[in-house]
Amino acid sequence: LVEGDILLTDEQLNTTHDAKFLRVGETEQYRTTNLVNVGSGRTI
């Protein structure tokens, strides 16, 4: 558990990642590089 409430698995930690540092500004809304595919619409 990191940053209070985010779970990282061993599989995620041992996966090769494309290193990016995508900070813009200081205190804005942020997303990860991982999103949900929704296409033209999707119900979760």
All heavy atoms as atom14 arrays in JSON, in Angstrom:
{
  "sequence": "LVEGDILLTDEQLNTTHDAKFLRVGETEQYRTTNLVNVGSGRTI",
  "atom14_mask": [
    [1, 1, 1, 1, 1, 1, 1, 1, 0, 0, 0, 0, 0, 0],
    [1, 1, 1, 1, 1, 1, 1, 0, 0, 0, 0, 0, 0, 0],
    [1, 1, 1, 1, 1, 1, 1, 1, 1, 0, 0, 0, 0, 0],
    [1, 1, 1, 1, 0, 0, 0, 0, 0, 0, 0, 0, 0, 0],
    [1, 1, 1, 1, 1, 1, 1, 1, 0, 0, 0, 0, 0, 0],
    [1, 1, 1, 1, 1, 1, 1, 1, 0, 0, 0, 0, 0, 0],
    [1, 1, 1, 1, 1, 1, 1, 1, 0, 0, 0, 0, 0, 0],
    [1, 1, 1, 1, 1, 1, 1, 1, 0, 0, 0, 0, 0, 0],
    [1, 1, 1, 1, 1, 1, 1, 0, 0, 0, 0, 0, 0, 0],
    [1, 1, 1, 1, 1, 1, 1, 1, 0, 0, 0, 0, 0, 0],
    [1, 1, 1, 1, 1, 1, 1, 1, 1, 0, 0, 0, 0, 0],
    [1, 1, 1, 1, 1, 1, 1, 1, 1, 0, 0, 0, 0, 0],
    [1, 1, 1, 1, 1, 1, 1, 1, 0, 0, 0, 0, 0, 0],
    [1, 1, 1, 1, 1, 1, 1, 1, 0, 0, 0, 0, 0, 0],
    [1, 1, 1, 1, 1, 1, 1, 0, 0, 0, 0, 0, 0, 0],
    [1, 1, 1, 1, 1, 1, 1, 0, 0, 0, 0, 0, 0, 0],
    [1, 1, 1, 1, 1, 1, 1, 1, 1, 1, 0, 0, 0, 0],
    [1, 1, 1, 1, 1, 1, 1, 1, 0, 0, 0, 0, 0, 0],
    [1, 1, 1, 1, 1, 0, 0, 0, 0, 0, 0, 0, 0, 0],
    [1, 1, 1, 1, 1, 1, 1, 1, 1, 0, 0, 0, 0, 0],
    [1, 1, 1, 1, 1, 1, 1, 1, 1, 1, 1, 0, 0, 0],
    [1, 1, 1, 1, 1, 1, 1, 1, 0, 0, 0, 0, 0, 0],
    [1, 1, 1, 1, 1, 1, 1, 1, 1, 1, 1, 0, 0, 0],
    [1, 1, 1, 1, 1, 1, 1, 0, 0, 0, 0, 0, 0, 0],
    [1, 1, 1, 1, 0, 0, 0, 0, 0, 0, 0, 0, 0, 0],
    [1, 1, 1, 1, 1, 1, 1, 1, 1, 0, 0, 0, 0, 0],
    [1, 1, 1, 1, 1, 1, 1, 0, 0, 0, 0, 0, 0, 0],
    [1, 1, 1, 1, 1, 1, 1, 1, 1, 0, 0, 0, 0, 0],
    [1, 1, 1, 1, 1, 1, 1, 1, 1, 0, 0, 0, 0, 0],
    [1, 1, 1, 1, 1, 1, 1, 1, 1, 1, 1, 1, 0, 0],
    [1, 1, 1, 1, 1, 1, 1, 1, 1, 1, 1, 0, 0, 0],
    [1, 1, 1, 1, 1, 1, 1, 0, 0, 0, 0, 0, 0, 0],
    [1, 1, 1, 1, 1, 1, 1, 0, 0, 0, 0, 0, 0, 0],
    [1, 1, 1, 1, 1, 1, 1, 1, 0, 0, 0, 0, 0, 0],
    [1, 1, 1, 1, 1, 1, 1, 1, 0, 0, 0, 0, 0, 0],
    [1, 1, 1, 1, 1, 1, 1, 0, 0, 0, 0, 0, 0, 0],
    [1, 1, 1, 1, 1, 1, 1, 1, 0, 0, 0, 0, 0, 0],
    [1, 1, 1, 1, 1, 1, 1, 0, 0, 0, 0, 0, 0, 0],
    [1, 1, 1, 1, 0, 0, 0, 0, 0, 0, 0, 0, 0, 0],
    [1, 1, 1, 1, 1, 1, 0, 0, 0, 0, 0, 0, 0, 0],
    [1, 1, 1, 1, 0, 0, 0, 0, 0, 0, 0, 0, 0, 0],
    [1, 1, 1, 1, 1, 1, 1, 1, 1, 1, 1, 0, 0, 0],
    [1, 1, 1, 1, 1, 1, 1, 0, 0, 0, 0, 0, 0, 0],
    [1, 1, 1, 1, 1, 1, 1, 1, 0, 0, 0, 0, 0, 0]
  ],
  "atom14_positions": [
    [[0.84, -1.18, 0.0], [0.0, 0.0, 0.0], [0.88, 1.24, 0.0], [1.75, 1.39, 0.86], [-0.91, 0.01, 1.23], [-2.12, 0.94, 1.14], [-3.15, 0.37, 0.18], [-2.74, 1.15, 2.51], [0.0, 0.0, 0.0], [0.0, 0.0, 0.0], [0.0, 0.0, 0.0], [0.0, 0.0, 0.0], [0.0, 0.0, 0.0], [0.0, 0.0, 0.0]],
    [[0.69, 2.12, -0.99], [1.48, 3.33, -1.1], [0.55, 4.54, -1.13], [-0.62, 4.43, -1.51], [2.37, 3.32, -2.37], [3.3, 2.12, -2.36], [1.53, 3.34, -3.64], [0.0, 0.0, 0.0], [0.0, 0.0, 0.0], [0.0, 0.0, 0.0], [0.0, 0.0, 0.0], [0.0, 0.0, 0.0], [0.0, 0.0, 0.0], [0.0, 0.0, 0.0]],
    [[1.06, 5.68, -0.7], [0.33, 6.95, -0.73], [-1.01, 6.85, -0.02], [-1.97, 7.54, -0.36], [0.15, 7.44, -2.17], [1.48, 7.73, -2.84], [1.35, 8.19, -4.28], [0.22, 8.48, -4.71], [2.38, 8.25, -4.96], [0.0, 0.0, 0.0], [0.0, 0.0, 0.0], [0.0, 0.0, 0.0], [0.0, 0.0, 0.0], [0.0, 0.0, 0.0]],
    [[-1.09, 5.97, 0.95], [-2.28, 5.92, 1.79], [-3.35, 4.96, 1.37], [-3.99, 4.33, 2.2], [0.0, 0.0, 0.0], [0.0, 0.0, 0.0], [0.0, 0.0, 0.0], [0.0, 0.0, 0.0], [0.0, 0.0, 0.0], [0.0, 0.0, 0.0], [0.0, 0.0, 0.0], [0.0, 0.0, 0.0], [0.0, 0.0, 0.0], [0.0, 0.0, 0.0]],
    [[-3.59, 4.82, 0.04], [-4.75, 4.01, -0.36], [-4.59, 3.35, -1.72], [-5.58, 2.9, -2.29], [-6.01, 4.87, -0.36], [-5.99, 5.99, -1.4], [-4.88, 6.38, -1.82], [-7.06, 6.48, -1.79], [0.0, 0.0, 0.0], [0.0, 0.0, 0.0], [0.0, 0.0, 0.0], [0.0, 0.0, 0.0], [0.0, 0.0, 0.0], [0.0, 0.0, 0.0]],
    [[-3.36, 3.26, -2.25], [-3.16, 2.68, -3.58], [-2.38, 1.38, -3.45], [-1.29, 1.34, -2.86], [-2.4, 3.66, -4.49], [-3.2, 4.95, -4.66], [-2.11, 3.03, -5.85], [-2.42, 6.07, -5.3], [0.0, 0.0, 0.0], [0.0, 0.0, 0.0], [0.0, 0.0, 0.0], [0.0, 0.0, 0.0], [0.0, 0.0, 0.0], [0.0, 0.0, 0.0]],
    [[-2.91, 0.3, -4.01], [-2.27, -1.0, -3.94], [-1.4, -1.23, -5.17], [-1.85, -1.06, -6.3], [-3.32, -2.11, -3.85], [-2.76, -3.55, -3.81], [-2.05, -3.81, -2.5], [-3.86, -4.58, -4.04], [0.0, 0.0, 0.0], [0.0, 0.0, 0.0], [0.0, 0.0, 0.0], [0.0, 0.0, 0.0], [0.0, 0.0, 0.0], [0.0, 0.0, 0.0]],
    [[-0.16, -1.63, -4.95], [0.74, -2.07, -6.01], [1.09, -3.53, -5.77], [1.46, -3.91, -4.66], [2.04, -1.23, -6.02], [1.9, 0.26, -6.32], [3.27, 0.93, -6.25], [1.26, 0.5, -7.67], [0.0, 0.0, 0.0], [0.0, 0.0, 0.0], [0.0, 0.0, 0.0], [0.0, 0.0, 0.0], [0.0, 0.0, 0.0], [0.0, 0.0, 0.0]],
    [[0.96, -4.35, -6.81], [1.27, -5.77, -6.69], [2.72, -6.03, -7.08], [3.37, -5.21, -7.73], [0.35, -6.6, -7.6], [0.65, -6.27, -8.97], [-1.11, -6.33, -7.3], [0.0, 0.0, 0.0], [0.0, 0.0, 0.0], [0.0, 0.0, 0.0], [0.0, 0.0, 0.0], [0.0, 0.0, 0.0], [0.0, 0.0, 0.0], [0.0, 0.0, 0.0]],
    [[3.24, -7.2, -6.72], [4.58, -7.59, -7.12], [4.69, -7.66, -8.64], [5.72, -7.3, -9.21], [4.96, -8.95, -6.51], [5.32, -8.85, -5.04], [6.11, -7.96, -4.69], [4.81, -9.65, -4.25], [0.0, 0.0, 0.0], [0.0, 0.0, 0.0], [0.0, 0.0, 0.0], [0.0, 0.0, 0.0], [0.0, 0.0, 0.0], [0.0, 0.0, 0.0]],
    [[3.61, -8.11, -9.29], [3.62, -8.18, -10.75], [3.82, -6.8, -11.36], [4.61, -6.63, -12.3], [2.32, -8.78, -11.26], [2.24, -8.9, -12.79], [0.92, -9.49, -13.26], [0.05, -9.76, -12.41], [0.77, -9.67, -14.48], [0.0, 0.0, 0.0], [0.0, 0.0, 0.0], [0.0, 0.0, 0.0], [0.0, 0.0, 0.0], [0.0, 0.0, 0.0]],
    [[3.13, -5.8, -10.81], [3.3, -4.44, -11.31], [4.71, -3.92, -11.06], [5.3, -3.26, -11.92], [2.28, -3.52, -10.66], [0.84, -3.75, -11.12], [-0.15, -2.95, -10.31], [-0.07, -2.9, -9.08], [-1.1, -2.32, -10.99], [0.0, 0.0, 0.0], [0.0, 0.0, 0.0], [0.0, 0.0, 0.0], [0.0, 0.0, 0.0], [0.0, 0.0, 0.0]],
    [[5.25, -4.23, -9.9], [6.58, -3.74, -9.55], [7.66, -4.37, -10.42], [8.7, -3.76, -10.67], [6.88, -4.0, -8.08], [6.06, -3.2, -7.06], [6.43, -3.62, -5.65], [6.26, -1.71, -7.25], [0.0, 0.0, 0.0], [0.0, 0.0, 0.0], [0.0, 0.0, 0.0], [0.0, 0.0, 0.0], [0.0, 0.0, 0.0], [0.0, 0.0, 0.0]],
    [[7.42, -5.61, -10.86], [8.44, -6.33, -11.63], [8.24, -6.22, -13.14], [8.97, -6.84, -13.91], [8.45, -7.8, -11.21], [8.97, -7.97, -9.8], [9.95, -7.36, -9.41], [8.3, -8.81, -9.02], [0.0, 0.0, 0.0], [0.0, 0.0, 0.0], [0.0, 0.0, 0.0], [0.0, 0.0, 0.0], [0.0, 0.0, 0.0], [0.0, 0.0, 0.0]],
    [[7.25, -5.44, -13.56], [7.01, -5.23, -14.99], [7.91, -4.11, -15.5], [8.13, -3.11, -14.82], [5.54, -4.86, -15.25], [4.71, -5.94, -14.81], [5.29, -4.59, -16.72], [0.0, 0.0, 0.0], [0.0, 0.0, 0.0], [0.0, 0.0, 0.0], [0.0, 0.0, 0.0], [0.0, 0.0, 0.0], [0.0, 0.0, 0.0], [0.0, 0.0, 0.0]],
    [[8.43, -4.28, -16.71], [9.24, -3.23, -17.32], [8.34, -2.08, -17.73], [7.33, -2.28, -18.39], [9.99, -3.75, -18.55], [10.83, -4.84, -18.15], [10.85, -2.66, -19.17], [0.0, 0.0, 0.0], [0.0, 0.0, 0.0], [0.0, 0.0, 0.0], [0.0, 0.0, 0.0], [0.0, 0.0, 0.0], [0.0, 0.0, 0.0], [0.0, 0.0, 0.0]],
    [[8.72, -0.88, -17.31], [7.91, 0.3, -17.59], [8.64, 1.26, -18.5], [9.86, 1.33, -18.52], [7.56, 1.03, -16.28], [6.82, 0.19, -15.3], [5.46, 0.02, -15.36], [7.25, -0.53, -14.24], [5.08, -0.78, -14.37], [6.14, -1.11, -13.68], [0.0, 0.0, 0.0], [0.0, 0.0, 0.0], [0.0, 0.0, 0.0], [0.0, 0.0, 0.0]],
    [[7.86, 1.99, -19.27], [8.38, 3.07, -20.09], [8.49, 4.31, -19.21], [7.47, 4.92, -18.87], [7.44, 3.34, -21.27], [7.91, 4.49, -22.14], [9.1, 4.83, -22.07], [7.07, 5.03, -22.88], [0.0, 0.0, 0.0], [0.0, 0.0, 0.0], [0.0, 0.0, 0.0], [0.0, 0.0, 0.0], [0.0, 0.0, 0.0], [0.0, 0.0, 0.0]],
    [[9.69, 4.66, -18.84], [9.89, 5.74, -17.87], [9.4, 7.07, -18.43], [9.76, 7.48, -19.51], [11.36, 5.83, -17.48], [0.0, 0.0, 0.0], [0.0, 0.0, 0.0], [0.0, 0.0, 0.0], [0.0, 0.0, 0.0], [0.0, 0.0, 0.0], [0.0, 0.0, 0.0], [0.0, 0.0, 0.0], [0.0, 0.0, 0.0], [0.0, 0.0, 0.0]],
    [[8.55, 7.74, -17.64], [8.06, 9.05, -18.0], [8.02, 9.89, -16.73], [7.8, 9.37, -15.64], [6.64, 8.98, -18.56], [6.5, 8.22, -19.87], [5.05, 8.23, -20.32], [4.87, 7.5, -21.65], [5.01, 6.06, -21.5], [0.0, 0.0, 0.0], [0.0, 0.0, 0.0], [0.0, 0.0, 0.0], [0.0, 0.0, 0.0], [0.0, 0.0, 0.0]],
    [[8.25, 11.15, -16.86], [7.97, 12.05, -15.75], [7.1, 13.14, -16.32], [7.57, 14.05, -17.0], [9.25, 12.63, -15.15], [8.98, 13.36, -13.88], [8.87, 12.67, -12.69], [8.8, 14.74, -13.88], [8.6, 13.35, -11.5], [8.54, 15.41, -12.69], [8.45, 14.72, -11.5], [0.0, 0.0, 0.0], [0.0, 0.0, 0.0], [0.0, 0.0, 0.0]],
    [[5.8, 13.03, -16.12], [4.84, 13.84, -16.84], [4.21, 14.89, -15.96], [3.02, 15.14, -16.02], [3.78, 12.93, -17.45], [4.31, 11.95, -18.5], [3.25, 10.94, -18.87], [4.78, 12.68, -19.74], [0.0, 0.0, 0.0], [0.0, 0.0, 0.0], [0.0, 0.0, 0.0], [0.0, 0.0, 0.0], [0.0, 0.0, 0.0], [0.0, 0.0, 0.0]],
    [[5.01, 15.53, -15.13], [4.48, 16.57, -14.27], [4.28, 17.85, -15.06], [5.14, 18.28, -15.81], [5.44, 16.84, -13.1], [4.84, 17.75, -12.04], [5.88, 18.16, -11.03], [6.67, 19.29, -11.56], [7.75, 19.78, -10.94], [8.19, 19.21, -9.85], [8.39, 20.81, -11.44], [0.0, 0.0, 0.0], [0.0, 0.0, 0.0], [0.0, 0.0, 0.0]],
    [[3.14, 18.48, -14.85], [2.9, 19.81, -15.39], [2.28, 20.62, -14.26], [1.21, 20.29, -13.77], [1.93, 19.78, -16.6], [1.7, 21.19, -17.11], [2.47, 18.88, -17.7], [0.0, 0.0, 0.0], [0.0, 0.0, 0.0], [0.0, 0.0, 0.0], [0.0, 0.0, 0.0], [0.0, 0.0, 0.0], [0.0, 0.0, 0.0], [0.0, 0.0, 0.0]],
    [[2.93, 21.69, -13.84], [2.39, 22.49, -12.75], [2.55, 21.79, -11.41], [3.3, 20.84, -11.26], [0.0, 0.0, 0.0], [0.0, 0.0, 0.0], [0.0, 0.0, 0.0], [0.0, 0.0, 0.0], [0.0, 0.0, 0.0], [0.0, 0.0, 0.0], [0.0, 0.0, 0.0], [0.0, 0.0, 0.0], [0.0, 0.0, 0.0], [0.0, 0.0, 0.0]],
    [[1.81, 22.26, -10.44], [2.01, 21.81, -9.07], [0.79, 21.14, -8.45], [0.91, 20.16, -7.76], [2.42, 23.0, -8.19], [3.8, 23.56, -8.53], [4.91, 22.59, -8.16], [5.03, 22.23, -6.98], [5.67, 22.2, -9.04], [0.0, 0.0, 0.0], [0.0, 0.0, 0.0], [0.0, 0.0, 0.0], [0.0, 0.0, 0.0], [0.0, 0.0, 0.0]],
    [[-0.4, 21.66, -8.66], [-1.56, 21.16, -7.91], [-2.79, 21.07, -8.79], [-3.79, 21.74, -8.56], [-1.86, 22.07, -6.71], [-1.93, 23.42, -7.18], [-0.81, 21.96, -5.64], [0.0, 0.0, 0.0], [0.0, 0.0, 0.0], [0.0, 0.0, 0.0], [0.0, 0.0, 0.0], [0.0, 0.0, 0.0], [0.0, 0.0, 0.0], [0.0, 0.0, 0.0]],
    [[-2.73, 20.23, -9.79], [-3.85, 20.1, -10.7], [-4.43, 18.69, -10.61], [-3.9, 17.84, -9.93], [-3.35, 20.35, -12.14], [-2.66, 21.69, -12.31], [-1.37, 21.57, -13.1], [-0.74, 20.51, -13.05], [-0.97, 22.54, -13.74], [0.0, 0.0, 0.0], [0.0, 0.0, 0.0], [0.0, 0.0, 0.0], [0.0, 0.0, 0.0], [0.0, 0.0, 0.0]],
    [[-5.52, 18.45, -11.33], [-6.03, 17.1, -11.44], [-5.07, 16.27, -12.29], [-4.56, 16.74, -13.29], [-7.43, 17.09, -12.06], [-8.56, 17.15, -11.05], [-8.84, 18.55, -10.56], [-8.07, 19.45, -10.8], [-9.95, 18.72, -9.88], [0.0, 0.0, 0.0], [0.0, 0.0, 0.0], [0.0, 0.0, 0.0], [0.0, 0.0, 0.0], [0.0, 0.0, 0.0]],
    [[-4.86, 15.02, -11.86], [-3.91, 14.16, -12.55], [-4.54, 12.8, -12.81], [-5.39, 12.34, -12.07], [-2.65, 13.95, -11.69], [-1.81, 15.18, -11.57], [-2.03, 16.11, -10.57], [-0.78, 15.44, -12.49], [-1.26, 17.24, -10.47], [0.0, 16.57, -12.39], [-0.25, 17.48, -11.37], [0.51, 18.61, -11.28], [0.0, 0.0, 0.0], [0.0, 0.0, 0.0]],
    [[-4.06, 12.19, -13.88], [-4.42, 10.81, -14.16], [-3.14, 10.0, -14.32], [-2.05, 10.55, -14.46], [-5.24, 10.72, -15.45], [-4.46, 11.1, -16.72], [-5.3, 10.84, -17.94], [-4.68, 11.25, -19.19], [-3.85, 10.49, -19.91], [-3.5, 9.29, -19.48], [-3.35, 10.92, -21.05], [0.0, 0.0, 0.0], [0.0, 0.0, 0.0], [0.0, 0.0, 0.0]],
    [[-3.28, 8.7, -14.31], [-2.16, 7.83, -14.61], [-2.11, 7.6, -16.12], [-2.97, 8.07, -16.86], [-2.31, 6.46, -13.92], [-3.39, 5.76, -14.53], [-2.56, 6.62, -12.43], [0.0, 0.0, 0.0], [0.0, 0.0, 0.0], [0.0, 0.0, 0.0], [0.0, 0.0, 0.0], [0.0, 0.0, 0.0], [0.0, 0.0, 0.0], [0.0, 0.0, 0.0]],
    [[-1.12, 6.85, -16.55], [-1.07, 6.45, -17.96], [-1.98, 5.25, -18.22], [-2.11, 4.82, -19.36], [0.37, 6.11, -18.37], [0.92, 5.19, -17.42], [1.23, 7.37, -18.38], [0.0, 0.0, 0.0], [0.0, 0.0, 0.0], [0.0, 0.0, 0.0], [0.0, 0.0, 0.0], [0.0, 0.0, 0.0], [0.0, 0.0, 0.0], [0.0, 0.0, 0.0]],
    [[-2.6, 4.71, -17.17], [-3.53, 3.58, -17.3], [-4.96, 4.07, -17.15], [-5.33, 4.63, -16.13], [-3.25, 2.54, -16.2], [-1.83, 2.02, -16.26], [-1.26, 1.89, -17.34], [-1.25, 1.74, -15.11], [0.0, 0.0, 0.0], [0.0, 0.0, 0.0], [0.0, 0.0, 0.0], [0.0, 0.0, 0.0], [0.0, 0.0, 0.0], [0.0, 0.0, 0.0]],
    [[-5.75, 3.85, -18.19], [-7.15, 4.25, -18.16], [-8.04, 3.08, -18.54], [-7.56, 2.04, -19.0], [-7.39, 5.42, -19.12], [-6.66, 6.73, -18.79], [-6.92, 7.76, -19.89], [-7.1, 7.28, -17.44], [0.0, 0.0, 0.0], [0.0, 0.0, 0.0], [0.0, 0.0, 0.0], [0.0, 0.0, 0.0], [0.0, 0.0, 0.0], [0.0, 0.0, 0.0]],
    [[-9.34, 3.25, -18.37], [-10.32, 2.23, -18.75], [-10.75, 2.47, -20.19], [-11.06, 3.61, -20.58], [-11.55, 2.28, -17.82], [-12.61, 1.29, -18.28], [-11.13, 2.02, -16.38], [0.0, 0.0, 0.0], [0.0, 0.0, 0.0], [0.0, 0.0, 0.0], [0.0, 0.0, 0.0], [0.0, 0.0, 0.0], [0.0, 0.0, 0.0], [0.0, 0.0, 0.0]],
    [[-10.74, 1.41, -20.99], [-11.25, 1.53, -22.36], [-12.77, 1.58, -22.33], [-13.42, 0.68, -21.83], [-10.8, 0.32, -23.2], [-9.29, 0.3, -23.42], [-8.64, 1.35, -23.39], [-8.74, -0.87, -23.66], [0.0, 0.0, 0.0], [0.0, 0.0, 0.0], [0.0, 0.0, 0.0], [0.0, 0.0, 0.0], [0.0, 0.0, 0.0], [0.0, 0.0, 0.0]],
    [[-13.32, 2.65, -22.88], [-14.78, 2.8, -22.85], [-15.4, 2.78, -24.24], [-16.61, 2.59, -24.37], [-15.18, 4.11, -22.12], [-14.78, 4.05, -20.67], [-14.59, 5.33, -22.8], [0.0, 0.0, 0.0], [0.0, 0.0, 0.0], [0.0, 0.0, 0.0], [0.0, 0.0, 0.0], [0.0, 0.0, 0.0], [0.0, 0.0, 0.0], [0.0, 0.0, 0.0]],
    [[-14.58, 2.98, -25.29], [-15.15, 2.99, -26.64], [-16.23, 4.04, -26.76], [-16.06, 5.19, -26.35], [0.0, 0.0, 0.0], [0.0, 0.0, 0.0], [0.0, 0.0, 0.0], [0.0, 0.0, 0.0], [0.0, 0.0, 0.0], [0.0, 0.0, 0.0], [0.0, 0.0, 0.0], [0.0, 0.0, 0.0], [0.0, 0.0, 0.0], [0.0, 0.0, 0.0]],
    [[-17.36, 3.66, -27.31], [-18.48, 4.59, -27.46], [-19.36, 4.62, -26.21], [-20.35, 5.34, -26.16], [-19.33, 4.19, -28.66], [-19.81, 2.87, -28.52], [0.0, 0.0, 0.0], [0.0, 0.0, 0.0], [0.0, 0.0, 0.0], [0.0, 0.0, 0.0], [0.0, 0.0, 0.0], [0.0, 0.0, 0.0], [0.0, 0.0, 0.0], [0.0, 0.0, 0.0]],
    [[-18.98, 3.83, -25.21], [-19.72, 3.79, -23.96], [-19.52, 2.46, -23.25], [-19.43, 1.42, -23.9], [0.0, 0.0, 0.0], [0.0, 0.0, 0.0], [0.0, 0.0, 0.0], [0.0, 0.0, 0.0], [0.0, 0.0, 0.0], [0.0, 0.0, 0.0], [0.0, 0.0, 0.0], [0.0, 0.0, 0.0], [0.0, 0.0, 0.0], [0.0, 0.0, 0.0]],
    [[-19.41, 2.49, -21.93], [-19.18, 1.25, -21.19], [-19.77, 1.38, -19.79], [-19.65, 2.43, -19.15], [-17.69, 0.96, -21.08], [-17.35, -0.33, -20.34], [-15.88, -0.63, -20.41], [-15.53, -1.84, -19.68], [-14.29, -2.3, -19.53], [-13.27, -1.64, -20.08], [-14.06, -3.41, -18.86], [0.0, 0.0, 0.0], [0.0, 0.0, 0.0], [0.0, 0.0, 0.0]],
    [[-20.4, 0.31, -19.33], [-20.96, 0.27, -17.98], [-20.1, -0.63, -17.1], [-19.82, -1.77, -17.46], [-22.41, -0.24, -17.99], [-23.22, 0.67, -18.74], [-22.96, -0.34, -16.57], [0.0, 0.0, 0.0], [0.0, 0.0, 0.0], [0.0, 0.0, 0.0], [0.0, 0.0, 0.0], [0.0, 0.0, 0.0], [0.0, 0.0, 0.0], [0.0, 0.0, 0.0]],
    [[-19.7, -0.1, -15.96], [-18.88, -0.83, -15.0], [-19.8, -1.33, -13.89], [-20.51, -0.55, -13.25], [-17.78, 0.08, -14.41], [-16.91, 0.67, -15.52], [-16.95, -0.7, -13.4], [-16.19, -0.35, -16.37], [0.0, 0.0, 0.0], [0.0, 0.0, 0.0], [0.0, 0.0, 0.0], [0.0, 0.0, 0.0], [0.0, 0.0, 0.0], [0.0, 0.0, 0.0]]
  ]
}
